[in-house]
Structure formats: structure tokens, C-alpha cells
Protein backbone atom coordinates (compact mmCIF):
# COMPACT_ATOMS: atom_id res chain seq x y z
CA MET A 1 -4.96 -9.71 13.64
CA TYR A 2 -6.43 -12.85 14.42
CA ARG A 3 -9.96 -13.78 13.51
CA THR A 4 -12.35 -16.71 12.35
CA LEU A 5 -13.61 -17.34 8.84
CA SER A 6 -16.76 -16.48 10.01
CA ASN A 7 -15.89 -12.62 11.80
CA LEU A 8 -13.92 -12.23 8.61
CA ARG A 9 -16.53 -12.93 6.70
CA ASP A 10 -18.67 -10.31 8.47
CA SER A 11 -16.06 -7.50 8.39
CA VAL A 12 -16.02 -7.63 4.66
CA ASN A 13 -19.33 -7.68 4.83
CA ARG A 14 -19.54 -4.30 6.34
CA MET A 15 -16.99 -3.00 4.24
CA ILE A 16 -18.79 -4.28 1.03
CA GLU A 17 -21.75 -1.82 2.75
CA GLN A 18 -19.77 1.03 3.61
CA GLN A 19 -17.72 1.03 0.46
CA GLY A 20 -19.45 -0.74 -2.07
CA GLU A 21 -18.60 -4.33 -3.69
CA ASN A 22 -16.43 -2.84 -6.21
CA ALA A 23 -14.00 -0.74 -4.21
CA PRO A 24 -10.23 -2.33 -4.41
CA VAL A 25 -8.77 -3.74 -1.78
CA ALA A 26 -5.31 -5.65 -0.87
CA ALA A 27 -5.67 -8.57 1.37
CA PHE A 28 -3.89 -11.34 2.61
CA VAL A 29 -5.34 -14.30 4.82
CA PHE A 30 -3.62 -17.18 6.09
CA THR A 31 -5.97 -20.57 7.28
CA LYS A 32 -4.60 -23.58 8.38
CA GLU A 33 -3.80 -25.18 5.03
CA ASP A 34 -0.61 -22.34 5.45
CA VAL A 35 0.21 -23.91 8.55
CA PHE A 36 2.63 -27.10 7.55
CA PHE A 37 6.02 -28.16 7.19
CA TYR A 38 8.88 -30.57 4.58
CA PRO A 39 9.83 -33.11 6.29
CA GLU A 40 13.46 -34.38 6.09
CA ASP A 41 14.74 -37.03 4.75
CA GLU A 42 17.70 -39.49 6.45
CA ASN A 43 20.19 -36.87 5.08
CA GLY A 44 18.41 -33.99 6.33
CA ILE A 45 17.32 -32.58 3.31
CA GLU A 46 13.60 -31.34 3.44
CA ASP A 47 11.31 -33.09 1.00
CA LEU A 48 9.45 -30.70 -0.98
CA ASP A 49 7.07 -32.97 -2.41
CA THR A 50 5.37 -34.02 0.63
CA GLN A 51 3.58 -31.00 2.93
CA GLU A 52 2.86 -32.38 6.57
CA HIS A 53 0.12 -30.12 8.57
CA LEU A 54 0.13 -29.88 12.49
CA ASN A 55 -2.25 -31.02 14.61
CA SER A 56 -5.00 -28.18 15.63
CA ASP A 57 -4.17 -26.86 19.09
CA ASP A 58 -0.23 -26.19 16.91
CA THR A 59 -1.92 -24.42 14.38
CA ASP A 60 -3.76 -22.30 16.09
CA GLU A 61 -0.74 -21.38 18.36
CA VAL A 62 0.99 -20.43 15.32
CA LEU A 63 -2.16 -18.44 13.53
CA LEU A 64 -2.67 -16.38 16.55
CA GLU A 65 1.24 -15.73 17.03
CA LEU A 66 0.96 -14.58 13.41
CA GLY A 67 -2.49 -12.65 14.08
CA SER A 68 -0.46 -10.85 16.66
CA CYS A 69 2.95 -9.86 15.21
CA ASP A 70 3.09 -6.20 15.15
CA TYR A 71 6.23 -6.69 12.41
CA ILE A 72 3.86 -7.36 10.21
CA TYR A 73 1.80 -4.65 10.18
CA GLU A 74 4.37 -1.83 10.74
CA GLN A 75 5.90 -3.11 6.69
CA VAL A 76 2.26 -3.09 5.46
CA PHE A 77 2.15 0.65 6.79
CA GLU A 78 5.57 1.11 6.10
CA ILE A 79 4.74 0.28 1.89
CA ILE A 80 1.12 2.25 2.00
CA GLY A 81 2.95 5.57 3.66
CA ASP A 82 5.53 4.78 0.71
CA GLU A 83 3.14 3.90 -2.23
CA VAL A 84 1.16 7.03 -1.18
CA ARG A 85 4.44 9.08 -1.41
CA ARG A 86 5.35 7.94 -4.35
CA VAL A 87 1.20 8.32 -6.33
CA ARG A 88 1.52 12.36 -4.75
CA ASN A 89 5.14 12.54 -5.95
CA LYS A 90 3.85 11.74 -9.60
CA VAL A 91 0.81 13.67 -8.87
CA SER A 92 2.78 16.90 -8.03
CA ALA A 93 5.69 16.34 -11.40
């Protein structure tokens, strides 16, 4: 889901009102600082000491695509289901 930081702040504030300040949460936030690559040297080897960022339009495109990637959500909900089953089985045992 693609949001601006302002949208995210508003959502978090609503969740705090509904669930309380100390409610547990699992969260993953990616921003323009996470959109970078390692340039390659003349031998095609990445220089892991140097990060280069994309321009603003390309960065937005990467984040928009990431936010609309169903695979990520499918994997997260699969893990949540696995954990719910694990906890339920633990309680039953």
C-alpha cells in the first residue's frame, strides 16, 4: 500500500486512538532512503561502500510499485496465519 508519510502519520494516530499507545504492531516502512543501488567498478563488481540513489521520479516509481505488490501482502498474511495456528496449537497442548 503506497502512502505518503503524512497519510501514514494520520493512520497511526487513528490506530493509537482506537487501540492505545502501547498496542503491539509489526510494521515495515520503506522510504526514498531505501531506494538505492551499488555502482559497479570496471570489473562489474558492486562497490558496497558507495550507495547511489535514483532521481526523485524513479524513486517514486519504485515505491509505488512496491506498495502495489500483492506478493508481499500474501506472504505477510501467510506468516500471520502460520503464527496464529502455532499459538493456538500451543494453547491446546
